[in-house]
Amino acid sequence: MERYGQEDLKKFLRFYLAPGYGHGTDGNFIIVSDFLHALDTWVEEGMAPGTLTVTDRNPQTAGRTRPLYAYPGYPVYSGSGDLDDAQNYREGKM
């Protein structure tokens, strides 16, 4: 960030944290989303990805969703509604 500055860095880089996600097929939250579409839209149409929604494919908890926010954002439960529904989360900041 020191080399480019926050605004210039956002022109070509996004970093997303997925709480509970393990590497590969491990972890409490095994995410699936159309990340390639988000990247393709950024490259081909100039529309950088914003908040992404991921779906859990862990056999014990399949179907729950979470929002992913670009760093330094992260999902925070809003305090009401279904914990397994992405729409019931807001963006927190690190």
N, C-alpha and C. Protein backbone atom coordinates (compact mmCIF):
# COMPACT_ATOMS: atom_id res chain seq x y z
N MET A 1 0.83 -1.18 0.00
CA MET A 1 0.00 0.00 0.00
C MET A 1 0.88 1.25 0.00
N GLU A 2 2.02 1.18 0.64
CA GLU A 2 2.91 2.35 0.68
C GLU A 2 3.38 2.73 -0.71
N ARG A 3 3.62 1.75 -1.55
CA ARG A 3 4.14 2.03 -2.89
C ARG A 3 3.11 2.72 -3.79
N TYR A 4 1.86 2.24 -3.74
CA TYR A 4 0.83 2.74 -4.66
C TYR A 4 -0.17 3.69 -4.03
N GLY A 5 -0.41 3.55 -2.74
CA GLY A 5 -1.47 4.32 -2.10
C GLY A 5 -2.78 3.57 -2.21
N GLN A 6 -3.67 3.79 -1.28
CA GLN A 6 -4.93 3.04 -1.21
C GLN A 6 -5.78 3.16 -2.47
N GLU A 7 -5.97 4.36 -2.98
CA GLU A 7 -6.84 4.53 -4.15
C GLU A 7 -6.26 3.91 -5.41
N ASP A 8 -4.97 4.06 -5.66
CA ASP A 8 -4.37 3.44 -6.84
C ASP A 8 -4.37 1.92 -6.72
N LEU A 9 -4.16 1.41 -5.52
CA LEU A 9 -4.16 -0.03 -5.30
C LEU A 9 -5.53 -0.63 -5.62
N LYS A 10 -6.60 0.06 -5.27
CA LYS A 10 -7.95 -0.43 -5.52
C LYS A 10 -8.28 -0.52 -7.00
N LYS A 11 -7.47 0.10 -7.86
CA LYS A 11 -7.72 0.03 -9.29
C LYS A 11 -7.39 -1.34 -9.88
N PHE A 12 -6.53 -2.11 -9.18
CA PHE A 12 -6.12 -3.39 -9.75
C PHE A 12 -6.06 -4.55 -8.76
N LEU A 13 -6.45 -4.33 -7.51
CA LEU A 13 -6.33 -5.40 -6.52
C LEU A 13 -7.51 -5.41 -5.56
N ARG A 14 -8.02 -6.60 -5.27
CA ARG A 14 -9.02 -6.81 -4.23
C ARG A 14 -8.57 -8.02 -3.41
N PHE A 15 -8.78 -7.96 -2.09
CA PHE A 15 -8.45 -9.06 -1.20
C PHE A 15 -9.66 -9.32 -0.33
N TYR A 16 -10.11 -10.56 -0.29
CA TYR A 16 -11.30 -10.93 0.48
C TYR A 16 -10.93 -11.97 1.52
N LEU A 17 -11.40 -11.77 2.75
CA LEU A 17 -11.25 -12.76 3.80
C LEU A 17 -12.55 -13.54 3.92
N ALA A 18 -12.45 -14.85 4.05
CA ALA A 18 -13.63 -15.70 4.21
C ALA A 18 -13.56 -16.37 5.58
N PRO A 19 -14.20 -15.80 6.60
CA PRO A 19 -14.15 -16.37 7.94
C PRO A 19 -14.68 -17.81 7.96
N GLY A 20 -13.91 -18.70 8.61
CA GLY A 20 -14.31 -20.09 8.72
C GLY A 20 -13.87 -20.96 7.55
N TYR A 21 -13.32 -20.34 6.52
CA TYR A 21 -12.91 -21.10 5.34
C TYR A 21 -11.52 -21.68 5.56
N GLY A 22 -11.38 -22.99 5.31
CA GLY A 22 -10.08 -23.64 5.37
C GLY A 22 -9.49 -23.74 3.98
N HIS A 23 -8.25 -24.11 3.90
CA HIS A 23 -7.62 -24.28 2.59
C HIS A 23 -8.13 -25.56 1.94
N GLY A 24 -8.41 -25.51 0.68
CA GLY A 24 -8.90 -26.68 -0.04
C GLY A 24 -10.31 -27.03 0.38
N THR A 25 -10.50 -28.26 0.84
CA THR A 25 -11.84 -28.71 1.20
C THR A 25 -12.01 -28.81 2.71
N ASP A 26 -11.12 -28.23 3.49
CA ASP A 26 -11.22 -28.27 4.94
C ASP A 26 -11.84 -26.99 5.46
N GLY A 27 -12.30 -27.04 6.69
CA GLY A 27 -12.84 -25.84 7.32
C GLY A 27 -14.32 -25.97 7.60
N ASN A 28 -14.82 -25.06 8.40
CA ASN A 28 -16.23 -25.05 8.77
C ASN A 28 -17.11 -24.50 7.67
N PHE A 29 -16.54 -23.68 6.81
CA PHE A 29 -17.31 -23.04 5.76
C PHE A 29 -16.57 -23.28 4.45
N ILE A 30 -17.10 -24.13 3.62
CA ILE A 30 -16.47 -24.45 2.33
C ILE A 30 -17.21 -23.64 1.27
N ILE A 31 -16.57 -22.59 0.79
CA ILE A 31 -17.26 -21.62 -0.05
C ILE A 31 -17.27 -22.00 -1.53
N VAL A 32 -18.33 -21.58 -2.17
CA VAL A 32 -18.45 -21.68 -3.62
C VAL A 32 -19.12 -20.40 -4.09
N SER A 33 -18.59 -19.86 -5.17
CA SER A 33 -19.16 -18.65 -5.78
C SER A 33 -18.61 -18.56 -7.19
N ASP A 34 -19.15 -17.66 -7.96
CA ASP A 34 -18.69 -17.48 -9.34
C ASP A 34 -17.61 -16.39 -9.36
N PHE A 35 -16.46 -16.71 -8.77
CA PHE A 35 -15.37 -15.74 -8.71
C PHE A 35 -14.84 -15.40 -10.09
N LEU A 36 -14.84 -16.37 -10.98
CA LEU A 36 -14.34 -16.14 -12.34
C LEU A 36 -15.20 -15.09 -13.06
N HIS A 37 -16.51 -15.14 -12.86
CA HIS A 37 -17.39 -14.14 -13.46
C HIS A 37 -17.06 -12.74 -12.94
N ALA A 38 -16.84 -12.63 -11.63
CA ALA A 38 -16.50 -11.33 -11.05
C ALA A 38 -15.20 -10.79 -11.64
N LEU A 39 -14.20 -11.66 -11.79
CA LEU A 39 -12.93 -11.25 -12.37
C LEU A 39 -13.08 -10.90 -13.85
N ASP A 40 -13.82 -11.71 -14.57
CA ASP A 40 -14.04 -11.48 -16.00
C ASP A 40 -14.77 -10.14 -16.22
N THR A 41 -15.76 -9.84 -15.40
CA THR A 41 -16.50 -8.58 -15.51
C THR A 41 -15.56 -7.39 -15.25
N TRP A 42 -14.66 -7.55 -14.30
CA TRP A 42 -13.70 -6.48 -13.99
C TRP A 42 -12.78 -6.24 -15.19
N VAL A 43 -12.25 -7.32 -15.75
CA VAL A 43 -11.30 -7.19 -16.86
C VAL A 43 -11.99 -6.73 -18.14
N GLU A 44 -13.10 -7.36 -18.48
CA GLU A 44 -13.75 -7.10 -19.76
C GLU A 44 -14.62 -5.85 -19.78
N GLU A 45 -15.25 -5.52 -18.63
CA GLU A 45 -16.18 -4.40 -18.60
C GLU A 45 -15.75 -3.25 -17.70
N GLY A 46 -14.63 -3.44 -17.01
CA GLY A 46 -14.12 -2.38 -16.14
C GLY A 46 -14.91 -2.20 -14.85
N MET A 47 -15.74 -3.19 -14.49
CA MET A 47 -16.53 -3.10 -13.25
C MET A 47 -15.86 -3.93 -12.17
N ALA A 48 -15.18 -3.26 -11.24
CA ALA A 48 -14.47 -3.94 -10.17
C ALA A 48 -15.46 -4.65 -9.25
N PRO A 49 -15.08 -5.81 -8.71
CA PRO A 49 -15.98 -6.52 -7.80
C PRO A 49 -16.17 -5.75 -6.50
N GLY A 50 -17.37 -5.82 -5.98
CA GLY A 50 -17.68 -5.22 -4.68
C GLY A 50 -17.90 -6.34 -3.69
N THR A 51 -19.04 -6.31 -3.04
CA THR A 51 -19.39 -7.37 -2.11
C THR A 51 -19.75 -8.63 -2.89
N LEU A 52 -19.18 -9.75 -2.51
CA LEU A 52 -19.47 -11.03 -3.14
C LEU A 52 -20.29 -11.87 -2.17
N THR A 53 -21.17 -12.69 -2.67
CA THR A 53 -21.93 -13.61 -1.82
C THR A 53 -21.46 -15.03 -2.11
N VAL A 54 -21.14 -15.75 -1.05
CA VAL A 54 -20.68 -17.13 -1.19
C VAL A 54 -21.68 -18.07 -0.53
N THR A 55 -21.71 -19.30 -1.02
CA THR A 55 -22.59 -20.33 -0.49
C THR A 55 -21.74 -21.45 0.08
N ASP A 56 -22.15 -21.99 1.22
CA ASP A 56 -21.45 -23.08 1.88
C ASP A 56 -21.80 -24.40 1.21
N ARG A 57 -20.79 -25.22 0.96
CA ARG A 57 -21.04 -26.56 0.41
C ARG A 57 -20.56 -27.65 1.36
N ASN A 58 -20.32 -27.29 2.63
CA ASN A 58 -20.01 -28.27 3.66
C ASN A 58 -21.25 -29.16 3.83
N PRO A 59 -21.11 -30.48 3.76
CA PRO A 59 -22.29 -31.35 3.84
C PRO A 59 -23.16 -31.13 5.09
N GLN A 60 -22.56 -30.77 6.21
CA GLN A 60 -23.34 -30.58 7.43
C GLN A 60 -24.11 -29.25 7.45
N THR A 61 -23.65 -28.28 6.69
CA THR A 61 -24.25 -26.94 6.76
C THR A 61 -24.53 -26.35 5.38
N ALA A 62 -24.63 -27.18 4.38
CA ALA A 62 -24.78 -26.73 2.99
C ALA A 62 -25.95 -25.77 2.83
N GLY A 63 -25.71 -24.75 2.02
CA GLY A 63 -26.76 -23.80 1.69
C GLY A 63 -26.69 -22.48 2.41
N ARG A 64 -25.98 -22.40 3.52
CA ARG A 64 -25.90 -21.11 4.20
C ARG A 64 -25.05 -20.16 3.35
N THR A 65 -25.31 -18.89 3.46
CA THR A 65 -24.61 -17.90 2.64
C THR A 65 -23.97 -16.85 3.53
N ARG A 66 -22.93 -16.21 2.99
CA ARG A 66 -22.26 -15.12 3.67
C ARG A 66 -21.82 -14.09 2.63
N PRO A 67 -21.79 -12.83 3.02
CA PRO A 67 -21.19 -11.83 2.14
C PRO A 67 -19.69 -11.80 2.36
N LEU A 68 -18.96 -11.52 1.31
CA LEU A 68 -17.52 -11.26 1.43
C LEU A 68 -17.30 -9.82 1.04
N TYR A 69 -16.60 -9.10 1.89
CA TYR A 69 -16.29 -7.69 1.64
C TYR A 69 -14.81 -7.55 1.34
N ALA A 70 -14.47 -6.64 0.45
CA ALA A 70 -13.06 -6.40 0.16
C ALA A 70 -12.37 -5.89 1.42
N TYR A 71 -11.15 -6.37 1.65
CA TYR A 71 -10.36 -5.95 2.80
C TYR A 71 -10.24 -4.43 2.80
N PRO A 72 -10.42 -3.80 3.92
CA PRO A 72 -10.40 -4.30 5.30
C PRO A 72 -11.78 -4.65 5.85
N GLY A 73 -12.76 -4.86 4.99
CA GLY A 73 -14.10 -5.22 5.45
C GLY A 73 -14.21 -6.70 5.78
N TYR A 74 -15.19 -7.04 6.62
CA TYR A 74 -15.49 -8.42 6.95
C TYR A 74 -16.96 -8.49 7.40
N PRO A 75 -17.59 -9.67 7.27
CA PRO A 75 -19.01 -9.79 7.62
C PRO A 75 -19.24 -9.79 9.12
N VAL A 76 -20.24 -9.00 9.55
CA VAL A 76 -20.65 -8.93 10.95
C VAL A 76 -22.16 -9.16 10.99
N TYR A 77 -22.59 -10.09 11.81
CA TYR A 77 -24.01 -10.38 11.95
C TYR A 77 -24.72 -9.13 12.45
N SER A 78 -25.84 -8.79 11.82
CA SER A 78 -26.56 -7.55 12.16
C SER A 78 -27.34 -7.65 13.47
N GLY A 79 -27.50 -8.85 13.99
CA GLY A 79 -28.19 -9.01 15.27
C GLY A 79 -29.61 -9.52 15.16
N SER A 80 -30.13 -9.61 13.94
CA SER A 80 -31.48 -10.15 13.77
C SER A 80 -31.56 -10.90 12.45
N GLY A 81 -32.47 -11.84 12.39
CA GLY A 81 -32.63 -12.63 11.19
C GLY A 81 -31.81 -13.92 11.24
N ASP A 82 -31.94 -14.69 10.21
CA ASP A 82 -31.30 -15.99 10.10
C ASP A 82 -29.78 -15.84 9.99
N LEU A 83 -29.04 -16.51 10.88
CA LEU A 83 -27.57 -16.48 10.84
C LEU A 83 -27.02 -17.06 9.54
N ASP A 84 -27.79 -17.89 8.87
CA ASP A 84 -27.33 -18.57 7.67
C ASP A 84 -27.66 -17.82 6.38
N ASP A 85 -28.12 -16.58 6.49
CA ASP A 85 -28.52 -15.79 5.33
C ASP A 85 -27.64 -14.55 5.21
N ALA A 86 -26.95 -14.41 4.09
CA ALA A 86 -26.02 -13.30 3.87
C ALA A 86 -26.64 -11.93 4.04
N GLN A 87 -27.93 -11.79 3.77
CA GLN A 87 -28.55 -10.47 3.86
C GLN A 87 -28.65 -9.96 5.28
N ASN A 88 -28.39 -10.81 6.28
CA ASN A 88 -28.47 -10.40 7.67
C ASN A 88 -27.12 -10.04 8.26
N TYR A 89 -26.19 -9.68 7.38
CA TYR A 89 -24.85 -9.26 7.79
C TYR A 89 -24.57 -7.86 7.26
N ARG A 90 -23.70 -7.17 7.94
CA ARG A 90 -23.24 -5.85 7.51
C ARG A 90 -21.72 -5.86 7.46
N GLU A 91 -21.16 -4.84 6.90
CA GLU A 91 -19.71 -4.77 6.77
C GLU A 91 -19.08 -4.18 8.02
N GLY A 92 -18.14 -4.91 8.58
CA GLY A 92 -17.30 -4.41 9.66
C GLY A 92 -15.96 -3.99 9.07
N LYS A 93 -15.21 -3.20 9.79
CA LYS A 93 -13.89 -2.75 9.33
C LYS A 93 -12.81 -3.15 10.31
N MET A 94 -11.70 -3.60 9.79
CA MET A 94 -10.55 -3.94 10.65
C MET A 94 -9.80 -2.70 11.03
